[in-house]
Amino acid sequence: MTNFTRRGFTLAALAGASVTTACGNGVGTNGGATIDARVDKTLNYLYSRYPNTRDLGEKANGVLVMPLITEAGFGIGGGYGRGALRVDGITVDYYSAAKGSFGLQIGAQQFAHVLFFMTEDSLMRFRHSNGWAAGADVEYALKDQGGNLRAETTTATSPVVAVIFGQAGLMAGATLEGVKYTRIIP
């Protein structure tokens, strides 16, 4: 790889990070109180807009709420957000979500997502990892007509159920593939 190619890659990555940071996703806020307030607002919106998710929340062993993920990309892309893990309605840890991508992409988007840890084992694996990446054990609850989320028997028995909502922007599709979650101290 030539120096020009590495330099171009580095400049593109830094430009993407700058755009992502500037989109108001919680970077540079004053601690856990701000994150907790955003998490409360996000959960209230989710439960009022999609009432079926309240049942998921009540059955879950833990709930990770990411109030705002901002993604941007032009060939090389990235995304970032911060949120909180709640167990029995109480914040136990704060997390960042980071994502990098390369390929045919252009645009920017923002969205919220919530991970419902339906088993004690999935919650413990998440909490005790050095960095957990969303993968094959995540089941998506898909938006259905009429403003409801489809949560079937197979979804309810999955170790982790993801709900993505509030998507805004000009980038196709919001997915959690390749998102890495890391515990932070706000």
Protein backbone atom coordinates (compact mmCIF):
# COMPACT_ATOMS: atom_id res chain seq x y z
CA MET A 1 0.00 0.00 0.00
CA THR A 2 1.47 3.39 -0.91
CA ASN A 3 1.74 6.35 1.44
CA PHE A 4 -0.80 8.28 -0.62
CA THR A 5 -3.36 5.52 -0.23
CA ARG A 6 -2.82 5.29 3.51
CA ARG A 7 -2.94 9.05 3.83
CA GLY A 8 -6.15 9.20 1.80
CA PHE A 9 -7.69 6.47 3.92
CA THR A 10 -6.70 8.24 7.14
CA LEU A 11 -8.05 11.60 5.96
CA ALA A 12 -11.33 10.03 4.88
CA ALA A 13 -11.69 8.23 8.21
CA LEU A 14 -10.98 11.44 10.15
CA ALA A 15 -13.46 13.38 8.02
CA GLY A 16 -16.11 10.72 8.67
CA ALA A 17 -15.40 10.81 12.40
CA SER A 18 -15.67 14.61 12.41
CA VAL A 19 -19.04 14.52 10.65
CA THR A 20 -20.29 11.81 13.00
CA THR A 21 -19.13 13.68 16.09
CA ALA A 22 -20.70 16.95 14.96
CA CYS A 23 -24.18 15.43 14.66
CA GLY A 24 -25.07 15.74 18.36
CA ASN A 25 -24.89 12.09 19.35
CA GLY A 26 -23.81 12.69 22.93
CA VAL A 27 -20.08 13.12 22.49
CA GLY A 28 -18.74 15.63 24.99
CA THR A 29 -21.83 15.69 27.21
CA ASN A 30 -21.63 16.05 30.96
CA GLY A 31 -21.86 12.56 32.30
CA GLY A 32 -24.38 9.92 33.07
CA ALA A 33 -27.26 12.25 33.96
CA THR A 34 -27.52 13.43 30.35
CA ILE A 35 -27.39 9.88 29.02
CA ASP A 36 -30.00 8.72 31.57
CA ALA A 37 -32.37 11.55 30.59
CA ARG A 38 -32.03 10.59 26.91
CA VAL A 39 -32.58 6.91 27.75
CA ASP A 40 -35.76 7.75 29.70
CA LYS A 41 -37.09 9.81 26.80
CA THR A 42 -36.24 7.07 24.29
CA LEU A 43 -37.92 4.32 26.32
CA ASN A 44 -41.03 6.45 26.87
CA TYR A 45 -41.25 7.07 23.12
CA LEU A 46 -40.67 3.41 22.27
CA TYR A 47 -43.25 2.09 24.74
CA SER A 48 -45.90 4.64 23.78
CA ARG A 49 -45.37 4.35 20.01
CA TYR A 50 -44.94 0.54 19.94
CA PRO A 51 -46.87 -0.86 22.94
CA ASN A 52 -45.80 -4.48 22.23
CA THR A 53 -42.25 -3.57 23.20
CA ARG A 54 -43.34 -2.95 26.80
CA ASP A 55 -43.90 -6.72 27.13
CA LEU A 56 -40.38 -7.35 25.83
CA GLY A 57 -39.01 -4.89 28.37
CA GLU A 58 -40.86 -6.55 31.24
CA LYS A 59 -39.62 -10.04 30.26
CA ALA A 60 -36.03 -8.97 29.52
CA ASN A 61 -33.20 -9.57 31.98
CA GLY A 62 -31.61 -6.32 30.82
CA VAL A 63 -32.21 -3.54 28.30
CA LEU A 64 -29.49 -1.60 26.46
CA VAL A 65 -30.84 1.72 25.17
CA MET A 66 -28.91 3.71 22.57
CA PRO A 67 -30.94 6.93 22.18
CA LEU A 68 -29.08 8.21 19.13
CA ILE A 69 -26.68 6.54 16.73
CA THR A 70 -25.28 8.76 14.02
CA GLU A 71 -23.82 7.18 10.87
CA ALA A 72 -22.17 8.85 7.91
CA GLY A 73 -20.36 7.44 4.93
CA PHE A 74 -18.93 8.10 1.52
CA GLY A 75 -17.24 4.85 0.56
CA ILE A 76 -15.78 4.66 4.06
CA GLY A 77 -18.23 5.18 6.87
CA GLY A 78 -18.65 5.10 10.57
CA GLY A 79 -21.16 5.55 13.34
CA TYR A 80 -21.20 6.32 17.03
CA GLY A 81 -23.56 6.74 19.96
CA ARG A 82 -23.77 6.37 23.73
CA GLY A 83 -26.38 4.79 25.94
CA ALA A 84 -27.11 2.89 29.12
CA LEU A 85 -27.72 -0.68 30.22
CA ARG A 86 -30.63 -1.06 32.61
CA VAL A 87 -31.42 -4.05 34.79
CA ASP A 88 -34.75 -3.96 36.63
CA GLY A 89 -35.19 -0.35 35.48
CA ILE A 90 -31.91 0.85 37.04
CA THR A 91 -28.86 1.98 35.07
CA VAL A 92 -25.97 -0.38 35.84
CA ASP A 93 -23.46 0.61 33.12
CA TYR A 94 -22.91 3.05 30.28
CA TYR A 95 -21.85 1.95 26.80
CA SER A 96 -20.69 3.36 23.51
CA ALA A 97 -21.62 1.84 20.18
CA ALA A 98 -19.14 2.22 17.32
CA LYS A 99 -19.37 1.02 13.76
CA GLY A 100 -17.06 1.19 10.77
CA SER A 101 -17.85 0.23 7.21
CA PHE A 102 -16.35 0.20 3.76
CA GLY A 103 -18.15 -0.20 0.47
CA LEU A 104 -20.82 1.28 -1.73
CA GLN A 105 -22.43 3.89 0.54
CA ILE A 106 -23.13 7.58 0.64
CA GLY A 107 -25.11 9.70 3.06
CA ALA A 108 -25.88 10.10 6.73
CA GLN A 109 -28.57 8.88 9.08
CA GLN A 110 -29.55 8.83 12.72
CA PHE A 111 -31.61 6.27 14.58
CA ALA A 112 -32.25 4.85 18.03
CA HIS A 113 -32.08 1.23 19.02
CA VAL A 114 -32.80 -0.92 22.02
CA LEU A 115 -31.41 -4.38 22.74
CA PHE A 116 -33.54 -6.59 24.96
CA PHE A 117 -31.45 -9.33 26.63
CA MET A 118 -34.03 -12.10 27.01
CA THR A 119 -31.81 -14.61 28.82
CA GLU A 120 -29.56 -14.25 31.85
CA ASP A 121 -26.76 -15.90 29.86
CA SER A 122 -26.91 -13.35 27.01
CA LEU A 123 -26.88 -10.48 29.52
CA MET A 124 -23.90 -11.93 31.40
CA ARG A 125 -21.93 -12.54 28.17
CA PHE A 126 -22.59 -8.92 27.19
CA ARG A 127 -21.62 -7.48 30.56
CA HIS A 128 -18.45 -9.57 30.97
CA SER A 129 -17.05 -9.05 27.47
CA ASN A 130 -14.29 -6.57 26.66
CA GLY A 131 -16.27 -5.44 23.65
CA TRP A 132 -19.43 -7.13 22.43
CA ALA A 133 -20.39 -7.08 18.75
CA ALA A 134 -23.94 -7.56 17.51
CA GLY A 135 -24.06 -10.78 15.53
CA ALA A 136 -26.02 -13.90 14.75
CA ASP A 137 -27.66 -14.15 18.18
CA VAL A 138 -29.59 -10.90 17.62
CA GLU A 139 -33.19 -11.24 16.42
CA TYR A 140 -34.79 -8.13 14.91
CA ALA A 141 -38.36 -7.13 15.76
CA LEU A 142 -39.59 -5.72 12.46
CA LYS A 143 -41.94 -2.78 12.08
CA ASP A 144 -45.36 -3.93 10.98
CA GLN A 145 -48.26 -1.94 9.52
CA GLY A 146 -50.34 0.01 11.99
CA GLY A 147 -47.37 1.15 14.08
CA ASN A 148 -46.91 -2.22 15.81
CA LEU A 149 -43.76 -4.24 16.10
CA ARG A 150 -43.96 -7.90 15.30
CA ALA A 151 -42.72 -9.89 18.26
CA GLU A 152 -43.48 -13.53 17.58
CA THR A 153 -42.77 -16.61 19.67
CA THR A 154 -39.41 -17.11 17.93
CA THR A 155 -38.48 -13.49 18.65
CA ALA A 156 -39.46 -13.75 22.31
CA THR A 157 -37.28 -16.86 22.79
CA SER A 158 -34.21 -15.36 21.11
CA PRO A 159 -31.30 -14.47 23.41
CA VAL A 160 -31.23 -10.83 22.22
CA VAL A 161 -34.03 -8.89 20.50
CA ALA A 162 -33.15 -5.64 18.72
CA VAL A 163 -35.58 -2.84 17.92
CA ILE A 164 -34.39 -0.09 15.57
CA PHE A 165 -36.64 2.96 15.28
CA GLY A 166 -36.74 6.71 14.67
CA GLN A 167 -34.60 6.45 11.54
CA ALA A 168 -33.97 9.76 9.80
CA GLY A 169 -31.54 10.64 7.07
CA LEU A 170 -30.48 9.86 3.56
CA MET A 171 -28.73 6.52 3.90
CA ALA A 172 -30.36 3.21 3.05
CA GLY A 173 -31.10 0.85 5.95
CA ALA A 174 -30.19 0.82 9.60
CA THR A 175 -28.60 -2.38 10.85
CA LEU A 176 -26.59 -3.38 13.88
CA GLU A 177 -24.25 -5.71 12.00
CA GLY A 178 -20.71 -4.82 12.91
CA VAL A 179 -21.63 -2.53 15.81
CA LYS A 180 -19.27 -2.95 18.73
CA TYR A 181 -20.43 -2.04 22.23
CA THR A 182 -17.87 -0.98 24.84
CA ARG A 183 -18.39 -0.05 28.49
CA ILE A 184 -17.56 3.60 29.16
CA ILE A 185 -17.36 5.99 32.08
CA PRO A 186 -19.33 9.11 31.11
